[in-house]
C-alpha atoms as a PDB file:
ATOM      1  CA  MET A   1      43.236  -5.709 -20.364  1.00  0.00           C
ATOM      2  CA  SER A   2      40.531  -6.862 -22.905  1.00  0.00           C
ATOM      3  CA  LYS A   3      41.488 -10.462 -22.065  1.00  0.00           C
ATOM      4  CA  LEU A   4      40.916  -9.762 -18.331  1.00  0.00           C
ATOM      5  CA  SER A   5      37.444  -8.218 -19.058  1.00  0.00           C
ATOM      6  CA  ALA A   6      36.499 -11.072 -21.384  1.00  0.00           C
ATOM      7  CA  GLU A   7      37.149 -13.472 -18.581  1.00  0.00           C
ATOM      8  CA  ILE A   8      35.405 -11.449 -15.810  1.00  0.00           C
ATOM      9  CA  MET A   9      32.393 -10.167 -17.568  1.00  0.00           C
ATOM     10  CA  PRO A  10      30.762 -13.497 -18.271  1.00  0.00           C
ATOM     11  CA  LYS A  11      30.901 -14.243 -14.564  1.00  0.00           C
ATOM     12  CA  LEU A  12      29.531 -10.809 -13.397  1.00  0.00           C
ATOM     13  CA  VAL A  13      26.771 -10.316 -15.935  1.00  0.00           C
ATOM     14  CA  PRO A  14      24.554 -13.202 -14.688  1.00  0.00           C
ATOM     15  CA  LYS A  15      24.751 -11.796 -11.083  1.00  0.00           C
ATOM     16  CA  PHE A  16      23.561  -8.214 -12.141  1.00  0.00           C
ATOM     17  CA  ILE A  17      20.752  -9.180 -14.351  1.00  0.00           C
ATOM     18  CA  PRO A  18      18.204 -10.136 -11.746  1.00  0.00           C
ATOM     19  CA  LYS A  19      19.246  -6.835  -9.798  1.00  0.00           C
ATOM     20  CA  LEU A  20      18.652  -4.713 -12.986  1.00  0.00           C
ATOM     21  CA  LYS A  21      15.261  -6.418 -13.359  1.00  0.00           C
ATOM     22  CA  LYS A  22      14.260  -5.616  -9.784  1.00  0.00           C
ATOM     23  CA  LEU A  23      15.531  -2.122 -10.201  1.00  0.00           C
ATOM     24  CA  LYS A  24      13.503  -1.712 -13.328  1.00  0.00           C
ATOM     25  CA  LEU A  25      10.371  -2.993 -11.459  1.00  0.00           C
ATOM     26  CA  ILE A  26      11.028  -0.678  -8.364  1.00  0.00           C
ATOM     27  CA  SER A  27      11.346   2.402 -10.797  1.00  0.00           C
ATOM     28  CA  LEU A  28       8.134   1.427 -12.698  1.00  0.00           C
ATOM     29  CA  GLY A  29       6.293   0.958  -9.392  1.00  0.00           C
ATOM     30  CA  PHE A  30       7.311   4.410  -8.172  1.00  0.00           C
ATOM     31  CA  CYS A  31       6.285   6.032 -11.640  1.00  0.00           C
ATOM     32  CA  GLN A  32       2.875   4.240 -11.087  1.00  0.00           C
ATOM     33  CA  VAL A  33       2.578   5.686  -7.767  1.00  0.00           C
ATOM     34  CA  PHE A  34       3.378   9.253  -8.950  1.00  0.00           C
ATOM     35  CA  LEU A  35       1.067   8.781 -11.855  1.00  0.00           C
ATOM     36  CA  TYR A  36      -1.818   8.037  -9.495  1.00  0.00           C
ATOM     37  CA  LEU A  37      -0.924  10.863  -7.372  1.00  0.00           C
ATOM     38  CA  LEU A  38      -0.832  13.196 -10.477  1.00  0.00           C
ATOM     39  CA  ILE A  39      -4.250  11.850 -11.405  1.00  0.00           C
ATOM     40  CA  GLY A  40      -5.335  12.782  -7.884  1.00  0.00           C
ATOM     41  CA  GLU A  41      -3.934  16.387  -8.382  1.00  0.00           C
ATOM     42  CA  LEU A  42      -5.771  16.860 -11.720  1.00  0.00           C
ATOM     43  CA  LEU A  43      -9.059  15.582 -10.461  1.00  0.00           C
ATOM     44  CA  SER A  44      -8.887  17.301  -7.166  1.00  0.00           C
ATOM     45  CA  ALA A  45     -10.064  20.563  -9.138  1.00  0.00           C
ATOM     46  CA  LEU A  46     -13.291  18.661  -9.945  1.00  0.00           C
ATOM     47  CA  ILE A  47     -13.719  16.527  -6.890  1.00  0.00           C
ATOM     48  CA  PRO A  48     -13.671  17.990  -3.264  1.00  0.00           C
ATOM     49  CA  LEU A  49     -11.288  15.492  -1.929  1.00  0.00           C
ATOM     50  CA  PRO A  50      -7.529  15.462  -1.170  1.00  0.00           C
ATOM     51  CA  PRO A  51      -5.516  14.561  -4.210  1.00  0.00           C
ATOM     52  CA  ALA A  52      -3.768  11.694  -2.361  1.00  0.00           C
ATOM     53  CA  ILE A  53      -7.311  10.163  -1.629  1.00  0.00           C
ATOM     54  CA  ILE A  54      -8.325  10.519  -5.152  1.00  0.00           C
ATOM     55  CA  GLY A  55      -5.148   8.937  -6.378  1.00  0.00           C
ATOM     56  CA  LEU A  56      -5.623   6.032  -3.994  1.00  0.00           C
ATOM     57  CA  ILE A  57      -9.041   5.501  -5.177  1.00  0.00           C
ATOM     58  CA  ALA A  58      -7.736   5.608  -8.884  1.00  0.00           C
ATOM     59  CA  CYS A  59      -5.168   3.067  -7.921  1.00  0.00           C
ATOM     60  CA  CYS A  60      -7.540   0.711  -6.126  1.00  0.00           C
ATOM     61  CA  GLY A  61      -9.843   1.115  -9.194  1.00  0.00           C
ATOM     62  CA  ALA A  62      -7.108   0.063 -11.512  1.00  0.00           C
ATOM     63  CA  CYS A  63      -6.084  -2.912  -9.315  1.00  0.00           C
ATOM     64  CA  LEU A  64      -9.748  -4.057  -9.295  1.00  0.00           C
ATOM     65  CA  LEU A  65      -9.965  -3.736 -12.993  1.00  0.00           C
ATOM     66  CA  LEU A  66      -6.930  -5.749 -13.513  1.00  0.00           C
ATOM     67  CA  GLN A  67      -7.969  -8.168 -10.781  1.00  0.00           C
ATOM     68  CA  LYS A  68      -4.389  -8.092  -9.350  1.00  0.00           C
ATOM     69  CA  VAL A  69      -1.701  -5.851  -8.028  1.00  0.00           C
ATOM     70  CA  PRO A  70       1.022  -5.384 -10.604  1.00  0.00           C
ATOM     71  CA  GLU A  71       4.384  -6.666  -9.441  1.00  0.00           C
ATOM     72  CA  SER A  72       6.044  -3.358  -9.814  1.00  0.00           C
ATOM     73  CA  LEU A  73       3.455  -1.550  -7.807  1.00  0.00           C
ATOM     74  CA  ASP A  74       3.575  -4.153  -5.119  1.00  0.00           C
ATOM     75  CA  ILE A  75       7.257  -3.847  -4.703  1.00  0.00           C
ATOM     76  CA  ALA A  76       7.147  -0.080  -4.368  1.00  0.00           C
ATOM     77  CA  SER A  77       4.218  -0.036  -2.092  1.00  0.00           C
ATOM     78  CA  LYS A  78       5.901  -2.503   0.224  1.00  0.00           C
ATOM     79  CA  PHE A  79       8.939  -0.233   0.445  1.00  0.00           C
ATOM     80  CA  LEU A  80       6.703   2.730   1.214  1.00  0.00           C
ATOM     81  CA  LEU A  81       4.797   0.935   3.861  1.00  0.00           C
ATOM     82  CA  LYS A  82       8.239  -0.305   5.516  1.00  0.00           C
ATOM     83  CA  ASN A  83       9.260   3.378   5.704  1.00  0.00           C
ATOM     84  CA  MET A  84       5.939   4.980   6.420  1.00  0.00           C
ATOM     85  CA  ALA A  85       7.309   6.620   9.646  1.00  0.00           C
ATOM     86  CA  ILE A  86       9.269   9.096   7.474  1.00  0.00           C
ATOM     87  CA  PHE A  87       6.071  10.583   6.079  1.00  0.00           C
ATOM     88  CA  PHE A  88       4.844  11.376   9.656  1.00  0.00           C
ATOM     89  CA  ILE A  89       7.979  13.503  10.611  1.00  0.00           C
ATOM     90  CA  PRO A  90       6.740  16.807   9.010  1.00  0.00           C
ATOM     91  CA  TYR A  91       3.407  16.548  10.848  1.00  0.00           C
ATOM     92  CA  VAL A  92       5.024  15.719  14.230  1.00  0.00           C
ATOM     93  CA  VAL A  93       7.343  18.647  13.805  1.00  0.00           C
ATOM     94  CA  THR A  94       4.558  20.896  12.809  1.00  0.00           C
ATOM     95  CA  ILE A  95       2.677  20.197  15.990  1.00  0.00           C
ATOM     96  CA  THR A  96       5.285  22.251  17.864  1.00  0.00           C
ATOM     97  CA  LEU A  97       3.906  25.305  16.324  1.00  0.00           C
ATOM     98  CA  PHE A  98       0.579  24.732  17.914  1.00  0.00           C
ATOM     99  CA  TRP A  99       1.697  24.198  21.370  1.00  0.00           C
ATOM    100  CA  PRO A 100      -0.214  27.165  22.735  1.00  0.00           C
ATOM    101  CA  ALA A 101      -3.550  26.025  21.150  1.00  0.00           C
ATOM    102  CA  LEU A 102      -3.072  22.484  22.394  1.00  0.00           C
ATOM    103  CA  ALA A 103      -2.175  23.802  25.896  1.00  0.00           C
ATOM    104  CA  ASP A 104      -5.602  25.577  25.952  1.00  0.00           C
ATOM    105  CA  TYR A 105      -7.559  22.788  24.645  1.00  0.00           C
ATOM    106  CA  TRP A 106      -5.519  19.657  25.664  1.00  0.00           C
ATOM    107  CA  LEU A 107      -8.553  17.956  27.199  1.00  0.00           C
ATOM    108  CA  ALA A 108     -10.661  18.263  24.040  1.00  0.00           C
ATOM    109  CA  CYS A 109      -7.728  17.103  21.836  1.00  0.00           C
ATOM    110  CA  LEU A 110      -7.065  14.101  24.151  1.00  0.00           C
ATOM    111  CA  LEU A 111     -10.800  12.943  24.086  1.00  0.00           C
ATOM    112  CA  ALA A 112     -10.906  13.402  20.328  1.00  0.00           C
ATOM    113  CA  LEU A 113      -7.906  11.203  19.857  1.00  0.00           C
ATOM    114  CA  PHE A 114      -9.191   8.630  22.362  1.00  0.00           C
ATOM    115  CA  ILE A 115     -12.676   8.446  20.877  1.00  0.00           C
ATOM    116  CA  SER A 116     -11.521   8.441  17.315  1.00  0.00           C
ATOM    117  CA  THR A 117      -8.874   5.672  17.966  1.00  0.00           C
ATOM    118  CA  LEU A 118     -11.596   3.658  19.869  1.00  0.00           C
ATOM    119  CA  ILE A 119     -14.061   4.020  16.960  1.00  0.00           C
ATOM    120  CA  THR A 120     -11.331   3.216  14.380  1.00  0.00           C
ATOM    121  CA  LEU A 121     -10.248   0.035  16.301  1.00  0.00           C
ATOM    122  CA  SER A 122     -13.812  -1.095  16.739  1.00  0.00           C
ATOM    123  CA  LEU A 123     -14.800  -0.629  13.128  1.00  0.00           C
ATOM    124  CA  THR A 124     -11.657  -2.303  11.825  1.00  0.00           C
ATOM    125  CA  SER A 125     -12.217  -5.206  14.207  1.00  0.00           C
ATOM    126  CA  ILE A 126     -15.822  -5.546  13.006  1.00  0.00           C
ATOM    127  CA  VAL A 127     -14.905  -5.353   9.416  1.00  0.00           C
ATOM    128  CA  SER A 128     -11.971  -7.800   9.606  1.00  0.00           C
ATOM    129  CA  ASP A 129     -14.262 -10.246  11.588  1.00  0.00           C
ATOM    130  CA  LYS A 130     -16.868 -10.112   8.780  1.00  0.00           C
ATOM    131  CA  LEU A 131     -14.114 -10.668   6.053  1.00  0.00           C
ATOM    132  CA  ILE A 132     -12.579 -13.625   7.777  1.00  0.00           C
ATOM    133  CA  GLU A 133     -16.051 -15.134   8.464  1.00  0.00           C
ATOM    134  CA  ARG A 134     -16.905 -14.716   4.656  1.00  0.00           C
ATOM    135  CA  ALA A 135     -13.485 -16.202   3.619  1.00  0.00           C
ATOM    136  CA  THR A 136     -13.969 -19.214   5.949  1.00  0.00           C
ATOM    137  CA  GLN A 137     -17.337 -19.832   4.596  1.00  0.00           C
ATOM    138  CA  GLU A 138     -16.067 -19.636   1.034  1.00  0.00           C
ATOM    139  CA  SER A 139     -13.239 -21.997   1.774  1.00  0.00           C
ATOM    140  CA  ARG A 140     -15.669 -24.628   3.451  1.00  0.00           C
ATOM    141  CA  LYS A 141     -17.920 -24.333   0.339  1.00  0.00           C
ATOM    142  CA  ARG A 142     -14.948 -25.003  -1.830  1.00  0.00           C
ATOM    143  CA  SER A 143     -13.706 -27.954   0.212  1.00  0.00           C
ATOM    144  CA  ARG A 144     -17.330 -29.412   0.157  1.00  0.00           C
ATOM    145  CA  ASN A 145     -17.368 -28.900  -3.719  1.00  0.00           C
ATOM    146  CA  HIS A 146     -14.031 -30.590  -4.090  1.00  0.00           C
ATOM    147  CA  THR A 147     -15.108 -33.474  -1.678  1.00  0.00           C
ATOM    148  CA  ALA A 148     -18.345 -33.815  -3.673  1.00  0.00           C
ATOM    149  CA  MET A 149     -16.434 -33.959  -6.948  1.00  0.00           C
ATOM    150  CA  ASP A 150     -13.988 -36.546  -5.551  1.00  0.00           C
ATOM    151  CA  ASP A 151     -16.982 -38.748  -4.321  1.00  0.00           C
ATOM    152  CA  LYS A 152     -18.390 -38.734  -7.890  1.00  0.00           C
ATOM    153  CA  LYS A 153     -15.161 -40.063  -9.313  1.00  0.00           C
END
């Protein structure tokens, strides 16, 4: 039995090491997400904002200080973003409790949804256009600098 395991183990171990490293990164990433949520919960007693927003601001601040997103946080956040629909299920189910109020004010709710969606899409479009324009200008400046440096050589 030990002879068999001595033959099989060297073949299996190299296959599992990358998976164990990824599992470690995923675990660390989720710990970081929950740490920022905990920070938000603690600071929400002092700051009149929802704890999730405070945690998100703390996470963004930490990433700005590091000037990068840690790999573990990146992996965990990609997983959460892929499965974001799961987080909306409780809210959608809860809406059924408010059918009487929605039935009375359906037009106001519909207008509020339409107007807020229109404003959000417009502002997102304007901001993304400005960011793309800025990135394009910076890229052109860099290419001009590289061209000028090449000409000097």
